[in-house]
Every structure is written in C-alpha cells, then in structure tokens.
C-alpha atoms as a PDB file:
ATOM      1  CA  UNK A   1      70.456 118.259-179.537  1.00  0.00           C
ATOM      2  CA  UNK A   2      68.063 118.186-176.535  1.00  0.00           C
ATOM      3  CA  UNK A   3      68.490 116.271-173.278  1.00  0.00           C
ATOM      4  CA  UNK A   4      65.818 114.892-170.911  1.00  0.00           C
ATOM      5  CA  UNK A   5      66.796 113.359-167.543  1.00  0.00           C
ATOM      6  CA  UNK A   6      64.693 110.536-166.031  1.00  0.00           C
ATOM      7  CA  UNK A   7      65.484 109.230-162.517  1.00  0.00           C
ATOM      8  CA  UNK A   8      63.557 106.457-160.744  1.00  0.00           C
ATOM      9  CA  UNK A   9      65.977 105.429-157.950  1.00  0.00           C
ATOM     10  CA  UNK A  10      67.497 102.612-160.069  1.00  0.00           C
ATOM     11  CA  UNK A  11      69.912 104.835-161.944  1.00  0.00           C
ATOM     12  CA  UNK A  12      69.649 107.943-164.049  1.00  0.00           C
ATOM     13  CA  UNK A  13      68.640 107.943-167.731  1.00  0.00           C
ATOM     14  CA  UNK A  14      69.606 110.839-169.948  1.00  0.00           C
ATOM     15  CA  UNK A  15      67.728 110.923-173.247  1.00  0.00           C
ATOM     16  CA  UNK A  16      69.459 112.837-176.004  1.00  0.00           C
ATOM     17  CA  UNK A  17      67.432 113.622-179.089  1.00  0.00           C
ATOM     18  CA  UNK A  18      68.548 114.718-182.520  1.00  0.00           C
ATOM     19  CA  UNK A  19      71.942 113.108-182.932  1.00  0.00           C
ATOM     20  CA  UNK A  20      72.538 113.594-186.634  1.00  0.00           C
ATOM     21  CA  UNK A  21      73.585 110.699-188.879  1.00  0.00           C
ATOM     22  CA  UNK A  22      74.723 111.571-192.427  1.00  0.00           C
ATOM     23  CA  UNK A  23      72.663 108.988-194.269  1.00  0.00           C
ATOM     24  CA  UNK A  24      69.762 108.306-191.917  1.00  0.00           C
ATOM     25  CA  UNK A  25      68.683 111.607-190.302  1.00  0.00           C
ATOM     26  CA  UNK A  26      68.099 112.195-186.643  1.00  0.00           C
ATOM     27  CA  UNK A  27      68.567 109.620-183.907  1.00  0.00           C
ATOM     28  CA  UNK A  28      67.761 109.379-180.161  1.00  0.00           C
ATOM     29  CA  UNK A  29      70.237 107.897-177.685  1.00  0.00           C
ATOM     30  CA  UNK A  30      69.396 106.889-174.125  1.00  0.00           C
ATOM     31  CA  UNK A  31      72.377 106.911-171.743  1.00  0.00           C
ATOM     32  CA  UNK A  32      71.840 105.203-168.387  1.00  0.00           C
ATOM     33  CA  UNK A  33      74.279 105.566-165.486  1.00  0.00           C
ATOM     34  CA  UNK A  34      74.108 103.244-162.487  1.00  0.00           C
ATOM     35  CA  UNK A  35      73.171 104.166-158.913  1.00  0.00           C
ATOM     36  CA  UNK A  36      76.056 105.698-157.013  1.00  0.00           C
ATOM     37  CA  UNK A  37      77.532 107.316-160.117  1.00  0.00           C
ATOM     38  CA  UNK A  38      77.086 110.821-158.731  1.00  0.00           C
ATOM     39  CA  UNK A  39      78.541 109.868-155.314  1.00  0.00           C
ATOM     40  CA  UNK A  40      81.680 108.126-156.561  1.00  0.00           C
ATOM     41  CA  UNK A  41      83.614 110.861-158.333  1.00  0.00           C
ATOM     42  CA  UNK A  42      86.779 108.733-158.668  1.00  0.00           C
ATOM     43  CA  UNK A  43      85.039 105.697-160.268  1.00  0.00           C
ATOM     44  CA  UNK A  44      85.064 105.141-164.034  1.00  0.00           C
ATOM     45  CA  UNK A  45      82.750 102.700-165.846  1.00  0.00           C
ATOM     46  CA  UNK A  46      82.725 100.376-168.817  1.00  0.00           C
ATOM     47  CA  UNK A  47      80.309 101.351-171.575  1.00  0.00           C
ATOM     48  CA  UNK A  48      77.821  98.957-173.157  1.00  0.00           C
ATOM     49  CA  UNK A  49      76.468 100.120-176.538  1.00  0.00           C
ATOM     50  CA  UNK A  50      73.161  98.470-177.395  1.00  0.00           C
ATOM     51  CA  UNK A  51      71.170  98.754-180.671  1.00  0.00           C
ATOM     52  CA  UNK A  52      67.403  99.169-180.727  1.00  0.00           C
ATOM     53  CA  UNK A  53      67.723 101.412-177.741  1.00  0.00           C
ATOM     54  CA  UNK A  54      63.960 102.133-177.360  1.00  0.00           C
ATOM     55  CA  UNK A  55      63.526  98.472-176.355  1.00  0.00           C
ATOM     56  CA  UNK A  56      65.781  98.593-173.313  1.00  0.00           C
ATOM     57  CA  UNK A  57      64.125 100.478-170.492  1.00  0.00           C
ATOM     58  CA  UNK A  58      60.431 101.349-171.011  1.00  0.00           C
ATOM     59  CA  UNK A  59      57.754  98.823-171.993  1.00  0.00           C
ATOM     60  CA  UNK A  60      55.654 101.633-173.377  1.00  0.00           C
ATOM     61  CA  UNK A  61      58.393 102.228-176.039  1.00  0.00           C
ATOM     62  CA  UNK A  62      59.536  98.667-176.496  1.00  0.00           C
ATOM     63  CA  UNK A  63      58.606  96.409-179.367  1.00  0.00           C
ATOM     64  CA  UNK A  64      55.826  94.113-178.209  1.00  0.00           C
ATOM     65  CA  UNK A  65      55.406  96.034-174.947  1.00  0.00           C
ATOM     66  CA  UNK A  66      58.179  94.168-173.081  1.00  0.00           C
ATOM     67  CA  UNK A  67      61.505  95.920-172.450  1.00  0.00           C
ATOM     68  CA  UNK A  68      64.866  94.199-172.021  1.00  0.00           C
ATOM     69  CA  UNK A  69      65.141  94.911-168.311  1.00  0.00           C
ATOM     70  CA  UNK A  70      68.830  95.718-168.918  1.00  0.00           C
ATOM     71  CA  UNK A  71      69.031  98.129-165.981  1.00  0.00           C
ATOM     72  CA  UNK A  72      67.576  95.559-163.645  1.00  0.00           C
ATOM     73  CA  UNK A  73      70.137  93.025-164.902  1.00  0.00           C
ATOM     74  CA  UNK A  74      72.992  95.440-164.166  1.00  0.00           C
ATOM     75  CA  UNK A  75      71.510  96.129-160.719  1.00  0.00           C
ATOM     76  CA  UNK A  76      71.466  92.373-159.965  1.00  0.00           C
ATOM     77  CA  UNK A  77      75.145  92.180-160.905  1.00  0.00           C
ATOM     78  CA  UNK A  78      75.938  95.070-158.598  1.00  0.00           C
ATOM     79  CA  UNK A  79      73.994  93.619-155.678  1.00  0.00           C
ATOM     80  CA  UNK A  80      75.010  89.990-156.038  1.00  0.00           C
ATOM     81  CA  UNK A  81      78.595  90.226-157.279  1.00  0.00           C
ATOM     82  CA  UNK A  82      79.735  93.649-156.145  1.00  0.00           C
ATOM     83  CA  UNK A  83      80.129  94.817-159.758  1.00  0.00           C
ATOM     84  CA  UNK A  84      80.572  98.622-159.915  1.00  0.00           C
ATOM     85  CA  UNK A  85      78.116  98.833-162.767  1.00  0.00           C
ATOM     86  CA  UNK A  86      78.237 100.005-166.350  1.00  0.00           C
ATOM     87  CA  UNK A  87      77.131 102.947-168.415  1.00  0.00           C
ATOM     88  CA  UNK A  88      74.581 101.859-171.039  1.00  0.00           C
ATOM     89  CA  UNK A  89      74.165 103.712-174.350  1.00  0.00           C
ATOM     90  CA  UNK A  90      70.964 102.624-176.028  1.00  0.00           C
ATOM     91  CA  UNK A  91      70.912 103.834-179.664  1.00  0.00           C
ATOM     92  CA  UNK A  92      67.380 103.994-180.985  1.00  0.00           C
ATOM     93  CA  UNK A  93      66.810 102.395-184.332  1.00  0.00           C
ATOM     94  CA  UNK A  94      65.545 104.309-187.361  1.00  0.00           C
ATOM     95  CA  UNK A  95      62.216 102.494-187.741  1.00  0.00           C
ATOM     96  CA  UNK A  96      61.656 101.407-191.298  1.00  0.00           C
ATOM     97  CA  UNK A  97      65.346 101.948-192.098  1.00  0.00           C
ATOM     98  CA  UNK A  98      66.559  99.629-189.369  1.00  0.00           C
ATOM     99  CA  UNK A  99      67.661  96.888-191.703  1.00  0.00           C
ATOM    100  CA  UNK A 100      69.746  99.394-193.732  1.00  0.00           C
ATOM    101  CA  UNK A 101      71.703 100.292-190.596  1.00  0.00           C
ATOM    102  CA  UNK A 102      72.124  96.746-189.214  1.00  0.00           C
ATOM    103  CA  UNK A 103      72.843  94.624-192.294  1.00  0.00           C
ATOM    104  CA  UNK A 104      76.652  94.170-192.449  1.00  0.00           C
ATOM    105  CA  UNK A 105      77.702  96.178-195.540  1.00  0.00           C
ATOM    106  CA  UNK A 106      80.776  94.274-196.738  1.00  0.00           C
ATOM    107  CA  UNK A 107      79.119  90.854-197.029  1.00  0.00           C
ATOM    108  CA  UNK A 108      75.943  92.456-198.376  1.00  0.00           C
ATOM    109  CA  UNK A 109      77.811  92.795-201.694  1.00  0.00           C
ATOM    110  CA  UNK A 110      78.249  89.017-202.046  1.00  0.00           C
ATOM    111  CA  UNK A 111      75.972  87.262-204.534  1.00  0.00           C
ATOM    112  CA  UNK A 112      75.053  84.516-202.089  1.00  0.00           C
ATOM    113  CA  UNK A 113      74.061  86.984-199.429  1.00  0.00           C
ATOM    114  CA  UNK A 114      72.061  89.232-201.769  1.00  0.00           C
ATOM    115  CA  UNK A 115      70.106  86.294-203.188  1.00  0.00           C
ATOM    116  CA  UNK A 116      69.152  85.114-199.753  1.00  0.00           C
ATOM    117  CA  UNK A 117      68.337  88.579-198.512  1.00  0.00           C
ATOM    118  CA  UNK A 118      65.993  89.171-201.442  1.00  0.00           C
ATOM    119  CA  UNK A 119      63.903  86.315-200.180  1.00  0.00           C
ATOM    120  CA  UNK A 120      63.072  88.430-197.143  1.00  0.00           C
ATOM    121  CA  UNK A 121      61.685  91.175-199.345  1.00  0.00           C
ATOM    122  CA  UNK A 122      64.777  93.350-199.035  1.00  0.00           C
ATOM    123  CA  UNK A 123      66.195  93.189-202.532  1.00  0.00           C
ATOM    124  CA  UNK A 124      68.117  96.442-202.786  1.00  0.00           C
ATOM    125  CA  UNK A 125      71.239  95.787-200.754  1.00  0.00           C
ATOM    126  CA  UNK A 126      72.882  98.704-202.488  1.00  0.00           C
ATOM    127  CA  UNK A 127      71.120 100.904-199.984  1.00  0.00           C
ATOM    128  CA  UNK A 128      72.712  99.329-196.926  1.00  0.00           C
ATOM    129  CA  UNK A 129      74.422 101.991-194.799  1.00  0.00           C
ATOM    130  CA  UNK A 130      75.817 100.033-191.823  1.00  0.00           C
ATOM    131  CA  UNK A 131      79.365 101.312-192.399  1.00  0.00           C
ATOM    132  CA  UNK A 132      78.040 104.870-191.962  1.00  0.00           C
ATOM    133  CA  UNK A 133      76.099 103.832-188.878  1.00  0.00           C
ATOM    134  CA  UNK A 134      79.233 102.314-187.296  1.00  0.00           C
ATOM    135  CA  UNK A 135      81.249 105.413-188.051  1.00  0.00           C
ATOM    136  CA  UNK A 136      78.617 107.417-186.131  1.00  0.00           C
ATOM    137  CA  UNK A 137      79.041 105.120-183.141  1.00  0.00           C
ATOM    138  CA  UNK A 138      82.856 105.263-183.211  1.00  0.00           C
ATOM    139  CA  UNK A 139      83.599 108.773-184.439  1.00  0.00           C
ATOM    140  CA  UNK A 140      80.644 110.766-182.979  1.00  0.00           C
ATOM    141  CA  UNK A 141      78.832 108.962-180.173  1.00  0.00           C
ATOM    142  CA  UNK A 142      81.744 107.336-178.352  1.00  0.00           C
ATOM    143  CA  UNK A 143      83.811 110.539-178.162  1.00  0.00           C
ATOM    144  CA  UNK A 144      80.694 112.413-176.904  1.00  0.00           C
ATOM    145  CA  UNK A 145      80.112 109.774-174.179  1.00  0.00           C
ATOM    146  CA  UNK A 146      83.719 109.602-173.124  1.00  0.00           C
ATOM    147  CA  UNK A 147      83.871 113.389-172.843  1.00  0.00           C
ATOM    148  CA  UNK A 148      80.574 113.709-170.946  1.00  0.00           C
ATOM    149  CA  UNK A 149      80.702 110.759-168.575  1.00  0.00           C
ATOM    150  CA  UNK A 150      83.335 109.024-166.441  1.00  0.00           C
ATOM    151  CA  UNK A 151      84.084 106.122-168.701  1.00  0.00           C
ATOM    152  CA  UNK A 152      86.777 103.496-169.133  1.00  0.00           C
ATOM    153  CA  UNK A 153      87.253 104.299-172.842  1.00  0.00           C
ATOM    154  CA  UNK A 154      89.785 101.549-173.660  1.00  0.00           C
ATOM    155  CA  UNK A 155      88.986  98.534-175.824  1.00  0.00           C
ATOM    156  CA  UNK A 156      88.410  95.891-173.108  1.00  0.00           C
ATOM    157  CA  UNK A 157      85.805  98.095-171.497  1.00  0.00           C
ATOM    158  CA  UNK A 158      83.907  99.055-174.675  1.00  0.00           C
ATOM    159  CA  UNK A 159      81.199  96.534-175.450  1.00  0.00           C
ATOM    160  CA  UNK A 160      78.577  96.356-178.207  1.00  0.00           C
ATOM    161  CA  UNK A 161      75.387  94.300-178.150  1.00  0.00           C
ATOM    162  CA  UNK A 162      72.137  93.665-180.004  1.00  0.00           C
ATOM    163  CA  UNK A 163      69.459  91.154-180.932  1.00  0.00           C
ATOM    164  CA  UNK A 164      68.342  89.765-184.256  1.00  0.00           C
ATOM    165  CA  UNK A 165      69.728  92.152-186.951  1.00  0.00           C
ATOM    166  CA  UNK A 166      71.332  93.905-183.986  1.00  0.00           C
ATOM    167  CA  UNK A 167      73.330  90.737-183.352  1.00  0.00           C
ATOM    168  CA  UNK A 168      74.660  90.892-186.918  1.00  0.00           C
ATOM    169  CA  UNK A 169      75.773  94.529-186.658  1.00  0.00           C
ATOM    170  CA  UNK A 170      77.378  93.899-183.249  1.00  0.00           C
ATOM    171  CA  UNK A 171      79.648  91.187-184.684  1.00  0.00           C
ATOM    172  CA  UNK A 172      80.364  93.311-187.735  1.00  0.00           C
ATOM    173  CA  UNK A 173      81.247  96.277-185.496  1.00  0.00           C
ATOM    174  CA  UNK A 174      83.768  94.212-183.578  1.00  0.00           C
ATOM    175  CA  UNK A 175      85.321  93.054-186.869  1.00  0.00           C
ATOM    176  CA  UNK A 176      85.399  96.499-188.443  1.00  0.00           C
ATOM    177  CA  UNK A 177      86.724  98.212-185.283  1.00  0.00           C
ATOM    178  CA  UNK A 178      88.644  95.546-183.337  1.00  0.00           C
ATOM    179  CA  UNK A 179      90.716  98.174-181.537  1.00  0.00           C
ATOM    180  CA  UNK A 180      87.564  99.957-180.302  1.00  0.00           C
ATOM    181  CA  UNK A 181      85.265  97.145-179.264  1.00  0.00           C
ATOM    182  CA  UNK A 182      86.579  94.411-176.972  1.00  0.00           C
ATOM    183  CA  UNK A 183      83.390  92.389-176.707  1.00  0.00           C
ATOM    184  CA  UNK A 184      80.221  91.727-178.683  1.00  0.00           C
ATOM    185  CA  UNK A 185      76.947  90.236-177.493  1.00  0.00           C
ATOM    186  CA  UNK A 186      74.883  88.735-180.318  1.00  0.00           C
ATOM    187  CA  UNK A 187      71.424  87.590-179.168  1.00  0.00           C
ATOM    188  CA  UNK A 188      69.195  85.591-181.524  1.00  0.00           C
ATOM    189  CA  UNK A 189      71.465  86.658-184.415  1.00  0.00           C
ATOM    190  CA  UNK A 190      69.417  86.899-187.624  1.00  0.00           C
ATOM    191  CA  UNK A 191      71.654  84.724-189.744  1.00  0.00           C
ATOM    192  CA  UNK A 192      68.900  83.908-192.240  1.00  0.00           C
ATOM    193  CA  UNK A 193      69.218  87.469-193.577  1.00  0.00           C
ATOM    194  CA  UNK A 194      72.230  86.245-195.612  1.00  0.00           C
ATOM    195  CA  UNK A 195      72.375  82.512-194.911  1.00  0.00           C
ATOM    196  CA  UNK A 196      75.544  80.448-195.017  1.00  0.00           C
ATOM    197  CA  UNK A 197      77.326  83.015-197.165  1.00  0.00           C
ATOM    198  CA  UNK A 198      76.840  85.687-194.506  1.00  0.00           C
ATOM    199  CA  UNK A 199      78.022  83.319-191.735  1.00  0.00           C
ATOM    200  CA  UNK A 200      81.084  82.328-193.694  1.00  0.00           C
ATOM    201  CA  UNK A 201      82.097  85.855-194.636  1.00  0.00           C
ATOM    202  CA  UNK A 202      81.803  87.172-191.051  1.00  0.00           C
ATOM    203  CA  UNK A 203      83.722  84.145-189.825  1.00  0.00           C
ATOM    204  CA  UNK A 204      86.472  84.836-192.292  1.00  0.00           C
ATOM    205  CA  UNK A 205      86.958  88.344-190.923  1.00  0.00           C
ATOM    206  CA  UNK A 206      87.081  87.494-187.223  1.00  0.00           C
ATOM    207  CA  UNK A 207      89.877  89.382-185.463  1.00  0.00           C
ATOM    208  CA  UNK A 208      92.917  87.433-184.292  1.00  0.00           C
ATOM    209  CA  UNK A 209      92.206  85.416-181.112  1.00  0.00           C
ATOM    210  CA  UNK A 210      93.263  86.707-177.750  1.00  0.00           C
ATOM    211  CA  UNK A 211      91.828  90.230-177.382  1.00  0.00           C
ATOM    212  CA  UNK A 212      88.050  89.834-177.783  1.00  0.00           C
ATOM    213  CA  UNK A 213      85.130  88.060-176.275  1.00  0.00           C
ATOM    214  CA  UNK A 214      81.954  86.980-178.121  1.00  0.00           C
ATOM    215  CA  UNK A 215      78.564  85.874-176.827  1.00  0.00           C
ATOM    216  CA  UNK A 216      75.932  84.154-179.023  1.00  0.00           C
ATOM    217  CA  UNK A 217      72.584  82.618-178.218  1.00  0.00           C
ATOM    218  CA  UNK A 218      69.319  81.656-179.954  1.00  0.00           C
ATOM    219  CA  UNK A 219      65.822  80.505-178.931  1.00  0.00           C
ATOM    220  CA  UNK A 220      63.806  77.541-180.130  1.00  0.00           C
ATOM    221  CA  UNK A 221      60.431  79.075-180.959  1.00  0.00           C
ATOM    222  CA  UNK A 222      58.930  81.444-183.542  1.00  0.00           C
ATOM    223  CA  UNK A 223      61.620  83.097-185.779  1.00  0.00           C
ATOM    224  CA  UNK A 224      64.420  81.726-183.607  1.00  0.00           C
ATOM    225  CA  UNK A 225      63.563  78.184-184.864  1.00  0.00           C
ATOM    226  CA  UNK A 226      65.504  79.122-188.019  1.00  0.00           C
ATOM    227  CA  UNK A 227      68.707  80.154-186.283  1.00  0.00           C
ATOM    228  CA  UNK A 228      70.221  76.959-184.891  1.00  0.00           C
ATOM    229  CA  UNK A 229      71.923  75.511-188.029  1.00  0.00           C
ATOM    230  CA  UNK A 230      73.509  78.825-188.889  1.00  0.00           C
ATOM    231  CA  UNK A 231      74.643  79.428-185.312  1.00  0.00           C
ATOM    232  CA  UNK A 232      76.194  75.998-185.154  1.00  0.00           C
ATOM    233  CA  UNK A 233      77.992  76.742-188.396  1.00  0.00           C
ATOM    234  CA  UNK A 234      79.399  79.922-186.801  1.00  0.00           C
ATOM    235  CA  UNK A 235      80.281  77.990-183.635  1.00  0.00           C
ATOM    236  CA  UNK A 236      82.359  75.654-185.809  1.00  0.00           C
ATOM    237  CA  UNK A 237      84.169  78.570-187.364  1.00  0.00           C
ATOM    238  CA  UNK A 238      84.834  80.031-183.895  1.00  0.00           C
ATOM    239  CA  UNK A 239      86.270  76.775-182.633  1.00  0.00           C
ATOM    240  CA  UNK A 240      88.553  76.565-185.655  1.00  0.00           C
ATOM    241  CA  UNK A 241      89.703  80.126-185.094  1.00  0.00           C
END
C-alpha cells in the first residue's frame, strides 16, 4: 500500500493506494483530516465514510468535473458553529464494478428486485458483492483508520454516506452493521434499481428506533425525477417505524 500526502491549507489529504478487496481487487482511499488536527493532540474526531471517494475533493477526478466540496462544507461548520471537524474517508469506487459493490445484496435475491434491476441492463444480480464490500469497510478499513488516526471509534461517531447507488449501500450498511454505524446519509438514493420491492425490504430491516439517525434527499430534475414516489414510500415506512 502506498501513501501520498496532499496539503493545501484547508486540511491534509492522505491518499492510500492498493487496499485489497477479496472480490474486487485494489482500491484507493482518500483520508482527509481537518485543519488543526496536528496541533490538537488531545482531540479525537468522528469519522465520515463516503462512497465514490474520487468525487469528493478534486474536480479533475470527479464525475462530471464537479466535486462534492465536502471539505469546504466541514470548514464552514467549523468556522460558523465551532464544530471541531471530522475525519473523512473517501473510498474510491471500482469503476465498471461499482453497481456490484453498491447494490444491497440481501434484497437483490428477491424476485421483484431482480426483475426491476434487469430493466436497467444489470440482469445478473448473482454477481453482487456488497456484503464483501461492507466487510472490507468494517473489518479492514475502519480498524486501519482507528489505529492510524485520532478517531472517536464508537457507533454514534461513525457515519456512512453516499449518493445514488451510494445512498442504497449506506442504508444497507447501517442495517447490516447497526452497532458500527450510528448514522447514514442517503443522497438521491437510487431506489429505481429495485423499485418498491427494494424499498420495502430495506424498510423491513431498519434497526430498532432510538440509536440511529438517517438523512434522505432527492432532486427534481434528470434522473432524480424518478426518485420521489419511492422516497415518499420509504418516508412512510420510517414514520411507521
């Protein structure tokens, strides 16, 4: 594994190449630590794990040439609200195999989900490997980060987040590892990948209320136009739960 450090005055980014995943080869992980980290030896930080890590910091790497601006968002929280900051772990996707990592594996076996997913040109759900991907996050990456950085490793301070298919795998991660992840952010969640059957299955496996926080959103243009009825269906499940 190789490490490259990038510092621009708004935090320090360590880029680790060649993390090994059993079913999907090598993976790059960007780990960003906020300004002041090196000067505050007694401060520990929450960790925010984000999928599609190449989209987070650098427009030259990001899909569509626009990055998330996630470091700027954290800096605003620090400046405006006095937040101590967070450590961000951006896990790069695997390119063409992205959907295999991010499609929730348990509901992928349902007939209603597989029939819907086939309509997106992804017929072979038997190849889905999201359980393996989540094991990598929990059993390999998280222990490495907790051992290397000053983290708050407990469940309330371990957050997972993603957009589109990354929104699906974030909710699935919280359900599969409710004692590891305390919060999940699901942006423009790609519910059409499995339709109502996918929504209903994930809703049926929500953890007991009281120990977790969930965030959902969706847009109103382009692909996001398809998301509203599914998100409202999930919102109903959440209210009932």
